[in-house]
Amino acid sequence: MSRGNPVLVTAATGRQGGATARALLAGGNTPVRVMVRNPEAANARALAAAGAEVVVGDLDDPASLRAACAGARAVFSMQAPIVSATGIDFSKERQQGRNLVEAALAEGVETFVHTATTGVGTHRNVEGWAEGRWSAHETYWENKLATCELVRSAGFKHWTLILPATFMDHAMLDPAGFVDGRRLLTVIKTERPLAWIAPEDVGQAAAAALNDPATFSGVTLELAGDVLTLPQVAEILSRLDGKEYEVQSSTVEEAVAAGLHPDVARGLTYMNVAPLLARPEIARAYGLSPTSFETWARQRRERT
C-alpha cells in the first residue's frame, strides 16, 4: 500500500461502509482508516487483518470524530435509523450526519462521499406525498434529504452523493421466505420495473469517488446494476435454483396475513409510485461496472 493521507471509512462494520473499506483495500493505492465502535468485533478484526487502520469512534461523539478525521484526505459517510427490538429510532440520524460533516470540515478534509437512498430529493413529488399518504415515512426521507443538502452546501472541495437502489439481497427476494417455498407474495405490482444494486457495488462506487474525487465532484449518483420486475427476478431465481418460483401481487392485508410485518408491507407500496431514477447506464457513464442481478445471484449461490 502506498504512503499518503488515509481515507476514513465510517460505518465500517456495516454493509455499505464495509463494502467501501474492502474495495479501497483491494485497490491497494491508498491507506484505509476505518472507524468502529468495537474494534474486537469480527468485521473490525477482519478489516484490520486486511490492512486497515482501526480507530474507535462514535457518530454521537464529536471529539472522537475529530480524532478519526485528523489527517484524512477523504471521508466515507453513511447514517441510518437505529433499529432495535423496540422499534426504529429516527432521532439521532440527522445530528450524526451533521457531527461527521462538521468534524471533517474542522480537520480540513477535502473530499466527502455520502450515501443515502435512491429518490432522496424527489420524494416530495411522489404520488400521494402532498396528501399525506406517506406521512409514516416522512421522517425517514426528510432525514436523508437534510444530510444530503448539508453535504452539498458544506464547502468541501469535492463531494459526492451516492443514492443506491434496492439491495439485491433484500429479504423479499430470498426464496427461504417465499410462501410454500415457491411463491413470492408482494404488495408491489408485478408490472412495476424496479432498480436493484449489489451491496458490494456501493462500495465500488464509493471507492471510485474517494480515489478520483475530481471526476465525481458534485455528482449525485443514482446507482443501480439492473432494472427488473419481480416476475423477471423470479424467472432468474427459478433458472438458477431449478425450481418454479412465482410472484403473487396482493393487498397489504393479505401480505400481513401471510406473515409480513404491517409497517414493511405498507412501506413497500411506496415502490409502486416512486419514479425509476437509478439505472445501470448512469453508473457505466462514470466508468463503473455494476453487477447484474443474475450475475450477483449466481455468484452468491456459488459461495454458499
C-alpha atoms as a PDB file:
ATOM      1  CA  MET A   1       0.000   0.000   0.000  1.00  0.00           C
ATOM      2  CA  SER A   2       1.342   3.400  -0.959  1.00  0.00           C
ATOM      3  CA  ARG A   3       2.018   6.077   1.602  1.00  0.00           C
ATOM      4  CA  GLY A   4      -0.147   9.161   1.897  1.00  0.00           C
ATOM      5  CA  ASN A   5      -3.065  10.581   3.781  1.00  0.00           C
ATOM      6  CA  PRO A   6      -5.674   7.968   4.619  1.00  0.00           C
ATOM      7  CA  VAL A   7      -9.297   7.692   3.634  1.00  0.00           C
ATOM      8  CA  LEU A   8     -11.599   7.431   6.652  1.00  0.00           C
ATOM      9  CA  VAL A   9     -14.475   4.989   6.292  1.00  0.00           C
ATOM     10  CA  THR A  10     -17.236   5.342   8.885  1.00  0.00           C
ATOM     11  CA  ALA A  11     -19.915   2.695   9.447  1.00  0.00           C
ATOM     12  CA  ALA A  12     -17.104   0.318   8.535  1.00  0.00           C
ATOM     13  CA  THR A  13     -18.623  -2.789  10.100  1.00  0.00           C
ATOM     14  CA  GLY A  14     -21.910  -2.213   8.252  1.00  0.00           C
ATOM     15  CA  ARG A  15     -22.896  -3.301   4.783  1.00  0.00           C
ATOM     16  CA  GLN A  16     -22.052  -0.149   2.818  1.00  0.00           C
ATOM     17  CA  GLY A  17     -19.097   1.012   4.890  1.00  0.00           C
ATOM     18  CA  GLY A  18     -17.657  -2.488   4.929  1.00  0.00           C
ATOM     19  CA  ALA A  19     -18.010  -2.800   1.166  1.00  0.00           C
ATOM     20  CA  THR A  20     -16.299   0.566   0.723  1.00  0.00           C
ATOM     21  CA  ALA A  21     -13.407  -0.347   3.005  1.00  0.00           C
ATOM     22  CA  ARG A  22     -12.895  -3.681   1.248  1.00  0.00           C
ATOM     23  CA  ALA A  23     -12.961  -2.034  -2.174  1.00  0.00           C
ATOM     24  CA  LEU A  24     -10.374   0.534  -1.109  1.00  0.00           C
ATOM     25  CA  LEU A  25      -8.159  -2.129   0.452  1.00  0.00           C
ATOM     26  CA  ALA A  26      -8.398  -4.281  -2.670  1.00  0.00           C
ATOM     27  CA  GLY A  27      -7.300  -1.317  -4.779  1.00  0.00           C
ATOM     28  CA  GLY A  28      -4.145  -1.071  -2.699  1.00  0.00           C
ATOM     29  CA  ASN A  29      -3.345   2.514  -3.635  1.00  0.00           C
ATOM     30  CA  THR A  30      -4.401   4.419  -0.534  1.00  0.00           C
ATOM     31  CA  PRO A  31      -4.173   3.899   3.232  1.00  0.00           C
ATOM     32  CA  VAL A  32      -7.551   2.999   4.719  1.00  0.00           C
ATOM     33  CA  ARG A  33      -8.671   4.056   8.194  1.00  0.00           C
ATOM     34  CA  VAL A  34     -11.887   2.515   9.471  1.00  0.00           C
ATOM     35  CA  MET A  35     -13.929   3.911  12.330  1.00  0.00           C
ATOM     36  CA  VAL A  36     -15.713   1.395  14.537  1.00  0.00           C
ATOM     37  CA  ARG A  37     -17.322   1.375  17.943  1.00  0.00           C
ATOM     38  CA  ASN A  38     -15.945  -2.054  18.889  1.00  0.00           C
ATOM     39  CA  PRO A  39     -12.505  -2.920  17.498  1.00  0.00           C
ATOM     40  CA  GLU A  40     -12.912  -6.513  18.694  1.00  0.00           C
ATOM     41  CA  ALA A  41     -15.979  -7.114  16.510  1.00  0.00           C
ATOM     42  CA  ALA A  42     -15.419  -9.778  13.865  1.00  0.00           C
ATOM     43  CA  ASN A  43     -15.872  -7.351  10.963  1.00  0.00           C
ATOM     44  CA  ALA A  44     -13.438  -4.861  12.512  1.00  0.00           C
ATOM     45  CA  ARG A  45     -10.824  -7.542  13.089  1.00  0.00           C
ATOM     46  CA  ALA A  46     -11.201  -8.746   9.501  1.00  0.00           C
ATOM     47  CA  LEU A  47     -10.609  -5.222   8.163  1.00  0.00           C
ATOM     48  CA  ALA A  48      -7.555  -4.855  10.393  1.00  0.00           C
ATOM     49  CA  ALA A  49      -6.215  -8.160   9.096  1.00  0.00           C
ATOM     50  CA  ALA A  50      -6.733  -6.881   5.542  1.00  0.00           C
ATOM     51  CA  GLY A  51      -4.554  -3.863   6.266  1.00  0.00           C
ATOM     52  CA  ALA A  52      -6.891  -1.170   7.577  1.00  0.00           C
ATOM     53  CA  GLU A  53      -6.001   1.145  10.428  1.00  0.00           C
ATOM     54  CA  VAL A  54      -8.761   0.751  13.021  1.00  0.00           C
ATOM     55  CA  VAL A  55      -9.838   3.719  15.148  1.00  0.00           C
ATOM     56  CA  VAL A  56     -12.589   3.839  17.731  1.00  0.00           C
ATOM     57  CA  GLY A  57     -15.251   6.499  17.276  1.00  0.00           C
ATOM     58  CA  ASP A  58     -18.933   7.201  17.610  1.00  0.00           C
ATOM     59  CA  LEU A  59     -21.155   9.394  15.461  1.00  0.00           C
ATOM     60  CA  ASP A  60     -22.696  10.773  18.663  1.00  0.00           C
ATOM     61  CA  ASP A  61     -19.260  11.874  19.944  1.00  0.00           C
ATOM     62  CA  PRO A  62     -17.874  14.884  18.018  1.00  0.00           C
ATOM     63  CA  ALA A  63     -14.473  14.693  19.725  1.00  0.00           C
ATOM     64  CA  SER A  64     -13.978  11.115  18.559  1.00  0.00           C
ATOM     65  CA  LEU A  65     -14.956  12.160  15.046  1.00  0.00           C
ATOM     66  CA  ARG A  66     -12.404  14.977  15.036  1.00  0.00           C
ATOM     67  CA  ALA A  67      -9.730  12.490  16.083  1.00  0.00           C
ATOM     68  CA  ALA A  68     -10.807   9.986  13.400  1.00  0.00           C
ATOM     69  CA  CYS A  69     -10.814  12.657  10.680  1.00  0.00           C
ATOM     70  CA  ALA A  70      -7.426  14.114  11.651  1.00  0.00           C
ATOM     71  CA  GLY A  71      -5.044  13.815   8.720  1.00  0.00           C
ATOM     72  CA  ALA A  72      -7.593  12.143   6.447  1.00  0.00           C
ATOM     73  CA  ARG A  73      -7.849  13.304   2.848  1.00  0.00           C
ATOM     74  CA  ALA A  74     -11.368  11.907   2.383  1.00  0.00           C
ATOM     75  CA  VAL A  75     -14.318  10.560   4.370  1.00  0.00           C
ATOM     76  CA  PHE A  76     -16.981   7.989   3.559  1.00  0.00           C
ATOM     77  CA  SER A  77     -20.245   8.783   5.340  1.00  0.00           C
ATOM     78  CA  MET A  78     -23.410   6.787   5.943  1.00  0.00           C
ATOM     79  CA  GLN A  79     -26.006   7.117   8.683  1.00  0.00           C
ATOM     80  CA  ALA A  80     -29.171   5.170   9.300  1.00  0.00           C
ATOM     81  CA  PRO A  81     -32.026   4.970  11.777  1.00  0.00           C
ATOM     82  CA  ILE A  82     -31.268   2.767  14.781  1.00  0.00           C
ATOM     83  CA  VAL A  83     -33.222  -0.494  14.570  1.00  0.00           C
ATOM     84  CA  SER A  84     -33.809  -2.454  17.768  1.00  0.00           C
ATOM     85  CA  ALA A  85     -36.290  -4.860  19.288  1.00  0.00           C
ATOM     86  CA  THR A  86     -38.338  -1.900  20.498  1.00  0.00           C
ATOM     87  CA  GLY A  87     -38.667  -0.324  17.066  1.00  0.00           C
ATOM     88  CA  ILE A  88     -36.872   2.201  14.854  1.00  0.00           C
ATOM     89  CA  ASP A  89     -35.288   5.321  16.355  1.00  0.00           C
ATOM     90  CA  PHE A  90     -35.006   8.188  13.847  1.00  0.00           C
ATOM     91  CA  SER A  91     -33.970  10.778  16.423  1.00  0.00           C
ATOM     92  CA  LYS A  92     -30.171  10.631  16.019  1.00  0.00           C
ATOM     93  CA  GLU A  93     -29.547  10.223  12.293  1.00  0.00           C
ATOM     94  CA  ARG A  94     -29.693  13.861  11.271  1.00  0.00           C
ATOM     95  CA  GLN A  95     -27.414  15.062  14.095  1.00  0.00           C
ATOM     96  CA  GLN A  96     -24.970  12.242  13.446  1.00  0.00           C
ATOM     97  CA  GLY A  97     -24.619  13.383   9.843  1.00  0.00           C
ATOM     98  CA  ARG A  98     -24.026  16.954  10.977  1.00  0.00           C
ATOM     99  CA  ASN A  99     -21.466  15.808  13.544  1.00  0.00           C
ATOM    100  CA  LEU A 100     -19.440  13.988  10.891  1.00  0.00           C
ATOM    101  CA  VAL A 101     -19.639  16.823   8.346  1.00  0.00           C
ATOM    102  CA  GLU A 102     -18.528  19.378  10.927  1.00  0.00           C
ATOM    103  CA  ALA A 103     -15.674  17.176  12.162  1.00  0.00           C
ATOM    104  CA  ALA A 104     -14.429  16.615   8.606  1.00  0.00           C
ATOM    105  CA  LEU A 105     -14.556  20.334   7.830  1.00  0.00           C
ATOM    106  CA  ALA A 106     -12.776  21.211  11.069  1.00  0.00           C
ATOM    107  CA  GLU A 107      -9.960  18.796  10.221  1.00  0.00           C
ATOM    108  CA  GLY A 108      -9.562  20.095   6.662  1.00  0.00           C
ATOM    109  CA  VAL A 109     -10.881  17.011   4.860  1.00  0.00           C
ATOM    110  CA  GLU A 110     -11.218  17.872   1.155  1.00  0.00           C
ATOM    111  CA  THR A 111     -13.384  15.007  -0.137  1.00  0.00           C
ATOM    112  CA  PHE A 112     -16.653  13.789   1.386  1.00  0.00           C
ATOM    113  CA  VAL A 113     -18.626  10.875  -0.084  1.00  0.00           C
ATOM    114  CA  HIS A 114     -22.039  10.225   1.438  1.00  0.00           C
ATOM    115  CA  THR A 115     -24.591   7.506   0.693  1.00  0.00           C
ATOM    116  CA  ALA A 116     -28.349   7.750   1.198  1.00  0.00           C
ATOM    117  CA  THR A 117     -31.005   6.026  -0.925  1.00  0.00           C
ATOM    118  CA  THR A 118     -32.427   6.372  -4.405  1.00  0.00           C
ATOM    119  CA  GLY A 119     -35.086   9.033  -4.763  1.00  0.00           C
ATOM    120  CA  VAL A 120     -33.911  11.321  -1.965  1.00  0.00           C
ATOM    121  CA  GLY A 121     -34.693  14.851  -3.060  1.00  0.00           C
ATOM    122  CA  THR A 122     -37.533  13.882  -5.366  1.00  0.00           C
ATOM    123  CA  HIS A 123     -39.596  12.058  -2.743  1.00  0.00           C
ATOM    124  CA  ARG A 124     -41.810  15.090  -2.077  1.00  0.00           C
ATOM    125  CA  ASN A 125     -43.074  14.837  -5.665  1.00  0.00           C
ATOM    126  CA  VAL A 126     -44.163  11.210  -5.327  1.00  0.00           C
ATOM    127  CA  GLU A 127     -47.842  10.500  -5.876  1.00  0.00           C
ATOM    128  CA  GLY A 128     -49.741  10.948  -2.605  1.00  0.00           C
ATOM    129  CA  TRP A 129     -46.972  12.781  -0.732  1.00  0.00           C
ATOM    130  CA  ALA A 130     -48.729  16.143  -0.612  1.00  0.00           C
ATOM    131  CA  GLU A 131     -51.922  14.451   0.543  1.00  0.00           C
ATOM    132  CA  GLY A 132     -50.147  12.788   3.481  1.00  0.00           C
ATOM    133  CA  ARG A 133     -50.291   9.247   2.126  1.00  0.00           C
ATOM    134  CA  TRP A 134     -46.686   8.647   3.128  1.00  0.00           C
ATOM    135  CA  SER A 135     -46.697  10.568   6.421  1.00  0.00           C
ATOM    136  CA  ALA A 136     -45.452   7.498   8.292  1.00  0.00           C
ATOM    137  CA  HIS A 137     -42.288   7.563   6.166  1.00  0.00           C
ATOM    138  CA  GLU A 138     -41.745  11.315   6.128  1.00  0.00           C
ATOM    139  CA  THR A 139     -39.116  11.322   8.877  1.00  0.00           C
ATOM    140  CA  TYR A 140     -37.072   8.666   7.078  1.00  0.00           C
ATOM    141  CA  TRP A 141     -36.958  10.625   3.816  1.00  0.00           C
ATOM    142  CA  GLU A 142     -36.550  14.072   5.325  1.00  0.00           C
ATOM    143  CA  ASN A 143     -33.619  12.941   7.485  1.00  0.00           C
ATOM    144  CA  LYS A 144     -31.885  11.569   4.396  1.00  0.00           C
ATOM    145  CA  LEU A 145     -32.550  14.776   2.472  1.00  0.00           C
ATOM    146  CA  ALA A 146     -31.300  17.022   5.284  1.00  0.00           C
ATOM    147  CA  THR A 147     -27.892  15.327   5.358  1.00  0.00           C
ATOM    148  CA  CYS A 148     -27.610  15.302   1.562  1.00  0.00           C
ATOM    149  CA  GLU A 149     -28.344  19.020   1.439  1.00  0.00           C
ATOM    150  CA  LEU A 150     -25.841  19.647   4.223  1.00  0.00           C
ATOM    151  CA  VAL A 151     -23.105  17.783   2.316  1.00  0.00           C
ATOM    152  CA  ARG A 152     -23.867  19.741  -0.858  1.00  0.00           C
ATOM    153  CA  SER A 153     -23.605  23.104   0.865  1.00  0.00           C
ATOM    154  CA  ALA A 154     -20.906  22.420   3.492  1.00  0.00           C
ATOM    155  CA  GLY A 155     -17.981  23.712   1.468  1.00  0.00           C
ATOM    156  CA  PHE A 156     -15.965  20.569   0.759  1.00  0.00           C
ATOM    157  CA  LYS A 157     -13.578  20.838  -2.187  1.00  0.00           C
ATOM    158  CA  HIS A 158     -15.126  17.633  -3.565  1.00  0.00           C
ATOM    159  CA  TRP A 159     -18.371  15.993  -2.532  1.00  0.00           C
ATOM    160  CA  THR A 160     -20.320  13.085  -3.957  1.00  0.00           C
ATOM    161  CA  LEU A 161     -23.746  11.717  -3.071  1.00  0.00           C
ATOM    162  CA  ILE A 162     -24.435   8.066  -3.872  1.00  0.00           C
ATOM    163  CA  LEU A 163     -28.095   7.076  -3.903  1.00  0.00           C
ATOM    164  CA  PRO A 164     -28.284   3.258  -4.130  1.00  0.00           C
ATOM    165  CA  ALA A 165     -31.278   1.387  -5.460  1.00  0.00           C
ATOM    166  CA  THR A 166     -32.881  -1.543  -3.607  1.00  0.00           C
ATOM    167  CA  PHE A 167     -30.265  -4.042  -2.487  1.00  0.00           C
ATOM    168  CA  MET A 168     -30.220  -7.346  -4.332  1.00  0.00           C
ATOM    169  CA  ASP A 169     -30.067  -9.181  -1.006  1.00  0.00           C
ATOM    170  CA  HIS A 170     -33.381  -7.656   0.116  1.00  0.00           C
ATOM    171  CA  ALA A 171     -35.253 -10.154   2.279  1.00  0.00           C
ATOM    172  CA  MET A 172     -38.220 -10.249  -0.082  1.00  0.00           C
ATOM    173  CA  LEU A 173     -36.050 -11.919  -2.759  1.00  0.00           C
ATOM    174  CA  ASP A 174     -34.873 -14.749  -0.501  1.00  0.00           C
ATOM    175  CA  PRO A 175     -36.638 -17.974  -1.574  1.00  0.00           C
ATOM    176  CA  ALA A 176     -36.397 -19.194   2.029  1.00  0.00           C
ATOM    177  CA  GLY A 177     -39.129 -16.696   2.837  1.00  0.00           C
ATOM    178  CA  PHE A 178     -41.417 -17.489  -0.106  1.00  0.00           C
ATOM    179  CA  VAL A 179     -44.875 -18.859   0.719  1.00  0.00           C
ATOM    180  CA  ASP A 180     -44.667 -22.662   0.495  1.00  0.00           C
ATOM    181  CA  GLY A 181     -41.067 -22.167  -0.627  1.00  0.00           C
ATOM    182  CA  ARG A 182     -42.148 -21.109  -4.101  1.00  0.00           C
ATOM    183  CA  ARG A 183     -44.459 -18.074  -4.072  1.00  0.00           C
ATOM    184  CA  LEU A 184     -43.172 -14.507  -3.639  1.00  0.00           C
ATOM    185  CA  LEU A 185     -46.167 -12.756  -2.102  1.00  0.00           C
ATOM    186  CA  THR A 186     -45.764  -8.999  -2.530  1.00  0.00           C
ATOM    187  CA  VAL A 187     -47.642  -5.720  -2.375  1.00  0.00           C
ATOM    188  CA  ILE A 188     -45.548  -4.465  -5.307  1.00  0.00           C
ATOM    189  CA  LYS A 189     -47.258  -4.527  -8.683  1.00  0.00           C
ATOM    190  CA  THR A 190     -45.915  -7.288 -10.892  1.00  0.00           C
ATOM    191  CA  GLU A 191     -45.563  -4.997 -13.906  1.00  0.00           C
ATOM    192  CA  ARG A 192     -43.524  -2.433 -11.983  1.00  0.00           C
ATOM    193  CA  PRO A 193     -39.843  -2.187 -13.055  1.00  0.00           C
ATOM    194  CA  LEU A 194     -37.560  -1.817 -10.048  1.00  0.00           C
ATOM    195  CA  ALA A 195     -33.917  -0.785  -9.786  1.00  0.00           C
ATOM    196  CA  TRP A 196     -31.508  -3.130  -7.979  1.00  0.00           C
ATOM    197  CA  ILE A 197     -27.920  -2.859  -6.757  1.00  0.00           C
ATOM    198  CA  ALA A 198     -25.443  -5.387  -5.356  1.00  0.00           C
ATOM    199  CA  PRO A 199     -24.265  -4.188  -1.918  1.00  0.00           C
ATOM    200  CA  GLU A 200     -20.625  -4.603  -2.928  1.00  0.00           C
ATOM    201  CA  ASP A 201     -21.206  -2.274  -5.881  1.00  0.00           C
ATOM    202  CA  VAL A 202     -21.996   0.553  -3.475  1.00  0.00           C
ATOM    203  CA  GLY A 203     -18.504   0.031  -2.104  1.00  0.00           C
ATOM    204  CA  GLN A 204     -17.019   0.025  -5.605  1.00  0.00           C
ATOM    205  CA  ALA A 205     -18.777   3.300  -6.463  1.00  0.00           C
ATOM    206  CA  ALA A 206     -17.779   4.944  -3.193  1.00  0.00           C
ATOM    207  CA  ALA A 207     -14.167   3.810  -3.598  1.00  0.00           C
ATOM    208  CA  ALA A 208     -14.107   5.250  -7.111  1.00  0.00           C
ATOM    209  CA  ALA A 209     -15.379   8.603  -5.845  1.00  0.00           C
ATOM    210  CA  LEU A 210     -12.897   8.602  -2.961  1.00  0.00           C
ATOM    211  CA  ASN A 211      -9.953   7.743  -5.222  1.00  0.00           C
ATOM    212  CA  ASP A 212     -10.935  10.012  -8.124  1.00  0.00           C
ATOM    213  CA  PRO A 213     -12.687  12.940  -6.437  1.00  0.00           C
ATOM    214  CA  ALA A 214     -12.377  15.306  -9.404  1.00  0.00           C
ATOM    215  CA  THR A 215     -14.387  13.007 -11.689  1.00  0.00           C
ATOM    216  CA  PHE A 216     -17.136  12.540  -9.122  1.00  0.00           C
ATOM    217  CA  SER A 217     -17.075  16.066  -7.687  1.00  0.00           C
ATOM    218  CA  GLY A 218     -20.572  17.492  -7.286  1.00  0.00           C
ATOM    219  CA  VAL A 219     -22.167  14.296  -8.598  1.00  0.00           C
ATOM    220  CA  THR A 220     -25.393  12.875  -7.219  1.00  0.00           C
ATOM    221  CA  LEU A 221     -25.202   9.289  -8.466  1.00  0.00           C
ATOM    222  CA  GLU A 222     -28.418   7.310  -8.695  1.00  0.00           C
ATOM    223  CA  LEU A 223     -26.848   3.854  -8.509  1.00  0.00           C
ATOM    224  CA  ALA A 224     -28.253   0.628  -9.950  1.00  0.00           C
ATOM    225  CA  GLY A 225     -26.860  -2.523 -11.516  1.00  0.00           C
ATOM    226  CA  ASP A 226     -30.099  -3.835 -13.002  1.00  0.00           C
ATOM    227  CA  VAL A 227     -33.723  -2.936 -13.677  1.00  0.00           C
ATOM    228  CA  LEU A 228     -36.174  -5.829 -13.390  1.00  0.00           C
ATOM    229  CA  THR A 229     -39.774  -6.525 -12.446  1.00  0.00           C
ATOM    230  CA  LEU A 230     -40.342  -9.049  -9.673  1.00  0.00           C
ATOM    231  CA  PRO A 231     -41.541 -11.721 -12.156  1.00  0.00           C
ATOM    232  CA  GLN A 232     -38.279 -11.223 -14.063  1.00  0.00           C
ATOM    233  CA  VAL A 233     -36.365 -11.674 -10.796  1.00  0.00           C
ATOM    234  CA  ALA A 234     -38.363 -14.839 -10.051  1.00  0.00           C
ATOM    235  CA  GLU A 235     -37.581 -16.204 -13.524  1.00  0.00           C
ATOM    236  CA  ILE A 236     -33.856 -15.757 -12.925  1.00  0.00           C
ATOM    237  CA  LEU A 237     -34.044 -17.380  -9.491  1.00  0.00           C
ATOM    238  CA  SER A 238     -36.120 -20.247 -10.916  1.00  0.00           C
ATOM    239  CA  ARG A 239     -33.457 -20.899 -13.524  1.00  0.00           C
ATOM    240  CA  LEU A 240     -30.601 -20.759 -11.036  1.00  0.00           C
ATOM    241  CA  ASP A 241     -32.300 -22.914  -8.396  1.00  0.00           C
ATOM    242  CA  GLY A 242     -34.048 -25.347 -10.729  1.00  0.00           C
ATOM    243  CA  LYS A 243     -37.373 -24.553  -9.088  1.00  0.00           C
ATOM    244  CA  GLU A 244     -40.606 -22.945 -10.213  1.00  0.00           C
ATOM    245  CA  TYR A 245     -40.969 -19.664  -8.348  1.00  0.00           C
ATOM    246  CA  GLU A 246     -43.909 -17.372  -8.985  1.00  0.00           C
ATOM    247  CA  VAL A 247     -44.910 -13.871  -7.946  1.00  0.00           C
ATOM    248  CA  GLN A 248     -48.311 -13.028  -6.500  1.00  0.00           C
ATOM    249  CA  SER A 249     -49.253  -9.388  -6.038  1.00  0.00           C
ATOM    250  CA  SER A 250     -51.521  -8.945  -3.043  1.00  0.00           C
ATOM    251  CA  THR A 251     -53.137  -6.337  -0.849  1.00  0.00           C
ATOM    252  CA  VAL A 252     -51.410  -5.120   2.297  1.00  0.00           C
ATOM    253  CA  GLU A 253     -53.939  -7.075   4.349  1.00  0.00           C
ATOM    254  CA  GLU A 254     -53.215 -10.310   2.500  1.00  0.00           C
ATOM    255  CA  ALA A 255     -49.463  -9.812   2.873  1.00  0.00           C
ATOM    256  CA  VAL A 256     -49.817  -9.174   6.609  1.00  0.00           C
ATOM    257  CA  ALA A 257     -51.984 -12.273   6.987  1.00  0.00           C
ATOM    258  CA  ALA A 258     -49.205 -14.244   5.286  1.00  0.00           C
ATOM    259  CA  GLY A 259     -46.710 -13.013   7.870  1.00  0.00           C
ATOM    260  CA  LEU A 260     -45.263  -9.750   6.526  1.00  0.00           C
ATOM    261  CA  HIS A 261     -44.850  -7.014   9.147  1.00  0.00           C
ATOM    262  CA  PRO A 262     -47.547  -4.346   8.646  1.00  0.00           C
ATOM    263  CA  ASP A 263     -45.045  -1.472   8.511  1.00  0.00           C
ATOM    264  CA  VAL A 264     -42.905  -3.340   5.987  1.00  0.00           C
ATOM    265  CA  ALA A 265     -45.922  -4.139   3.831  1.00  0.00           C
ATOM    266  CA  ARG A 266     -47.155  -0.550   3.807  1.00  0.00           C
ATOM    267  CA  GLY A 267     -43.634   0.739   3.182  1.00  0.00           C
ATOM    268  CA  LEU A 268     -43.155  -1.494   0.149  1.00  0.00           C
ATOM    269  CA  THR A 269     -46.233   0.004  -1.524  1.00  0.00           C
ATOM    270  CA  TYR A 270     -44.140   3.177  -1.927  1.00  0.00           C
ATOM    271  CA  MET A 271     -42.276   1.325  -4.674  1.00  0.00           C
ATOM    272  CA  ASN A 272     -45.495   1.252  -6.727  1.00  0.00           C
ATOM    273  CA  VAL A 273     -45.419   5.038  -7.148  1.00  0.00           C
ATOM    274  CA  ALA A 274     -41.739   6.005  -6.807  1.00  0.00           C
ATOM    275  CA  PRO A 275     -40.106   7.034 -10.108  1.00  0.00           C
ATOM    276  CA  LEU A 276     -37.383   4.807 -11.554  1.00  0.00           C
ATOM    277  CA  LEU A 277     -34.320   7.039 -11.240  1.00  0.00           C
ATOM    278  CA  ALA A 278     -31.361   4.673 -10.821  1.00  0.00           C
ATOM    279  CA  ARG A 279     -30.235   2.857 -13.964  1.00  0.00           C
ATOM    280  CA  PRO A 280     -27.111   0.842 -14.824  1.00  0.00           C
ATOM    281  CA  GLU A 281     -26.173   3.150 -17.694  1.00  0.00           C
ATOM    282  CA  ILE A 282     -25.739   6.060 -15.267  1.00  0.00           C
ATOM    283  CA  ALA A 283     -23.068   4.155 -13.341  1.00  0.00           C
ATOM    284  CA  ARG A 284     -21.412   2.985 -16.552  1.00  0.00           C
ATOM    285  CA  ALA A 285     -21.158   6.590 -17.738  1.00  0.00           C
ATOM    286  CA  TYR A 286     -18.790   7.178 -14.795  1.00  0.00           C
ATOM    287  CA  GLY A 287     -16.651   4.164 -15.613  1.00  0.00           C
ATOM    288  CA  LEU A 288     -18.292   1.843 -13.105  1.00  0.00           C
ATOM    289  CA  SER A 289     -19.270  -1.742 -13.912  1.00  0.00           C
ATOM    290  CA  PRO A 290     -22.237  -2.618 -11.695  1.00  0.00           C
ATOM    291  CA  THR A 291     -23.279  -6.248 -11.382  1.00  0.00           C
ATOM    292  CA  SER A 292     -26.452  -7.601 -12.990  1.00  0.00           C
ATOM    293  CA  PHE A 293     -28.908  -9.403 -10.742  1.00  0.00           C
ATOM    294  CA  GLU A 294     -28.360 -12.735 -12.455  1.00  0.00           C
ATOM    295  CA  THR A 295     -24.581 -12.488 -12.069  1.00  0.00           C
ATOM    296  CA  TRP A 296     -24.902 -11.464  -8.428  1.00  0.00           C
ATOM    297  CA  ALA A 297     -27.374 -14.252  -7.612  1.00  0.00           C
ATOM    298  CA  ARG A 298     -25.254 -16.871  -9.363  1.00  0.00           C
ATOM    299  CA  GLN A 299     -22.082 -15.753  -7.577  1.00  0.00           C
ATOM    300  CA  ARG A 300     -23.858 -15.766  -4.218  1.00  0.00           C
ATOM    301  CA  ARG A 301     -25.076 -19.322  -4.761  1.00  0.00           C
ATOM    302  CA  GLU A 302     -21.599 -20.447  -5.776  1.00  0.00           C
ATOM    303  CA  ARG A 303     -20.208 -19.113  -2.490  1.00  0.00           C
ATOM    304  CA  THR A 304     -22.734 -20.963  -0.317  1.00  0.00           C
END
